[in-house]
Protein backbone atom coordinates (compact mmCIF):
# COMPACT_ATOMS: atom_id res chain seq x y z
CA MET A 1 -0.03 208.91 -108.05
CA ALA A 2 -1.39 212.43 -107.99
CA GLY A 3 -3.51 213.34 -104.58
CA LYS A 4 -1.11 210.60 -102.79
CA GLY A 5 0.25 213.08 -101.25
CA LYS A 6 4.52 213.41 -100.31
CA GLY A 7 4.44 209.67 -99.59
CA GLY A 8 4.87 209.83 -95.65
CA ARG A 9 7.86 212.75 -95.82
CA GLY A 10 7.38 216.04 -93.73
CA LYS A 11 3.50 217.29 -92.56
CA ALA A 12 0.26 216.19 -93.79
CA SER A 13 -1.18 219.22 -94.90
CA GLY A 14 -4.13 220.52 -92.81
CA SER A 15 -2.85 219.05 -89.42
CA GLY A 16 -1.43 222.44 -87.89
CA LYS A 17 -0.73 220.90 -84.49
CA SER A 18 2.95 220.64 -83.70
CA VAL A 19 4.09 217.97 -81.65
CA SER A 20 7.08 218.73 -78.95
CA ARG A 21 9.68 216.05 -79.46
CA SER A 22 9.18 215.56 -75.77
CA ALA A 23 5.91 214.16 -76.93
CA LYS A 24 7.19 212.11 -79.99
CA ALA A 25 10.23 210.16 -77.54
CA GLY A 26 7.23 209.37 -74.64
CA ILE A 27 9.41 211.37 -71.80
CA GLN A 28 8.42 213.95 -69.44
CA PHE A 29 11.69 215.90 -69.37
CA PRO A 30 12.01 218.79 -71.96
CA VAL A 31 14.51 217.87 -74.80
CA GLY A 32 13.99 221.69 -76.45
CA ARG A 33 15.12 223.10 -73.44
CA ILE A 34 18.89 219.94 -72.97
CA ALA A 35 18.72 220.79 -77.06
CA ARG A 36 19.12 224.85 -76.26
CA PHE A 37 21.43 223.97 -72.80
CA LEU A 38 23.80 221.73 -75.23
CA LYS A 39 23.82 224.20 -77.92
CA LYS A 40 24.43 227.51 -76.07
CA GLY A 41 26.78 225.75 -73.64
CA LYS A 42 29.24 224.97 -76.06
CA TYR A 43 30.49 221.83 -75.17
CA THR A 44 30.93 221.07 -79.16
CA GLU A 45 30.60 222.84 -82.65
CA ARG A 46 27.23 220.42 -82.95
CA VAL A 47 24.74 218.55 -81.52
CA GLY A 48 23.11 215.76 -83.05
CA ALA A 49 19.39 215.51 -82.86
CA GLY A 50 19.16 211.89 -81.10
CA ALA A 51 21.63 213.40 -78.31
CA PRO A 52 19.23 215.44 -75.95
CA VAL A 53 16.77 212.92 -76.25
CA TYR A 54 19.24 210.57 -74.99
CA ILE A 55 20.16 213.00 -72.09
CA ALA A 56 16.53 213.72 -71.29
CA ALA A 57 16.05 210.29 -70.92
CA VAL A 58 18.40 209.13 -68.82
CA LEU A 59 17.68 212.73 -66.15
CA GLU A 60 13.96 211.52 -65.92
CA TYR A 61 14.89 208.00 -65.12
CA LEU A 62 17.32 209.22 -62.40
CA ALA A 63 14.74 211.66 -61.33
CA ALA A 64 12.37 208.95 -61.09
CA GLU A 65 14.27 206.31 -59.49
CA VAL A 66 15.45 208.69 -56.94
CA LEU A 67 11.53 209.74 -56.17
CA GLU A 68 10.26 206.52 -55.83
CA LEU A 69 12.94 206.01 -53.47
CA ALA A 70 12.48 209.10 -51.42
CA GLY A 71 9.03 208.16 -51.49
CA ASN A 72 9.44 205.09 -50.01
CA ALA A 73 12.07 206.54 -47.31
CA ALA A 74 8.85 209.05 -46.70
CA LYS A 75 6.28 206.25 -46.00
CA ASP A 76 8.93 204.67 -43.32
CA ASN A 77 8.71 207.58 -41.75
CA LYS A 78 4.71 207.94 -41.61
CA LYS A 79 5.00 211.25 -43.63
CA THR A 80 3.47 212.31 -46.58
CA ARG A 81 5.61 214.81 -47.99
CA ILE A 82 9.72 214.03 -49.44
CA ILE A 83 12.34 216.45 -47.65
CA PRO A 84 15.38 216.35 -48.35
CA ARG A 85 16.28 214.00 -45.23
CA HIS A 86 14.61 211.58 -47.37
CA ILE A 87 16.33 212.14 -50.21
CA GLN A 88 20.00 211.56 -48.13
CA LEU A 89 18.29 208.03 -46.79
CA ALA A 90 17.05 207.28 -50.25
CA VAL A 91 20.57 207.99 -52.03
CA ARG A 92 22.95 206.48 -48.98
CA ASN A 93 20.54 203.20 -48.92
CA ASP A 94 20.96 203.07 -52.78
CA ASP A 95 24.06 201.52 -53.48
CA GLU A 96 24.53 201.95 -57.04
CA LEU A 97 23.30 206.33 -56.56
CA ASN A 98 25.75 206.67 -53.66
CA LYS A 99 28.49 205.72 -55.74
CA LEU A 100 26.81 208.39 -58.58
CA MET A 101 26.23 211.00 -56.06
CA ARG A 102 29.28 209.84 -53.18
CA ASN A 103 31.00 213.56 -53.49
CA THR A 104 27.20 215.33 -53.24
CA THR A 105 26.27 216.79 -50.18
CA ILE A 106 22.43 217.16 -49.82
CA ALA A 107 21.57 220.19 -47.99
CA SER A 108 19.92 219.45 -44.24
CA GLY A 109 19.93 215.83 -45.31
CA GLY A 110 22.00 214.87 -42.35
CA VAL A 111 23.94 211.65 -42.38
CA LEU A 112 22.86 207.90 -41.90
CA PRO A 113 21.68 206.23 -38.34
CA GLN A 114 25.68 204.44 -37.58
CA ILE A 115 26.60 203.31 -34.30
CA ARG A 116 30.40 201.81 -34.53
CA ASP A 117 30.94 198.17 -33.63
CA GLU A 118 33.33 199.68 -31.13
CA LEU A 119 30.97 201.76 -29.56
CA LEU A 120 28.52 198.80 -28.66
CA PRO A 121 29.04 197.27 -25.30
CA LYS A 122 30.47 193.81 -24.67
CA ASN A 123 28.10 191.05 -24.44
CA LYS A 124 29.73 188.85 -21.47
CA LYS A 125 29.27 185.36 -22.07
CA LYS A 126 28.90 183.03 -19.57
CA GLU A 127 32.19 181.20 -18.06
CA ASP A 128 31.47 177.99 -16.31
CA HIS A 129 34.07 177.55 -13.49
């Protein structure tokens, strides 16, 4: 059994390359930074190892969802850049995102185009005499 290493525990001797927790989790959002914010925020005395990974994954999913819908809104308006108006249109036209962000104001977002039914002209039906 001599010379077989530690049996898979810890770092292998010779690999000095560190791997971030974001890379281990396969996400882009910074797990270490979120862990630091959770600890410094004094939300609780102890922060588990999985909590910042889960929060980072959820935030990354929400950001990707909003960006995808806003990109579609920009493409509908024949634009290549996403502006706050596109984010507003994306969020307000999606039921779940609208429910999540119902109390949120997006600066320079404007409002959804809508005309009340009472303001529309009434269609006059042809009456037979």
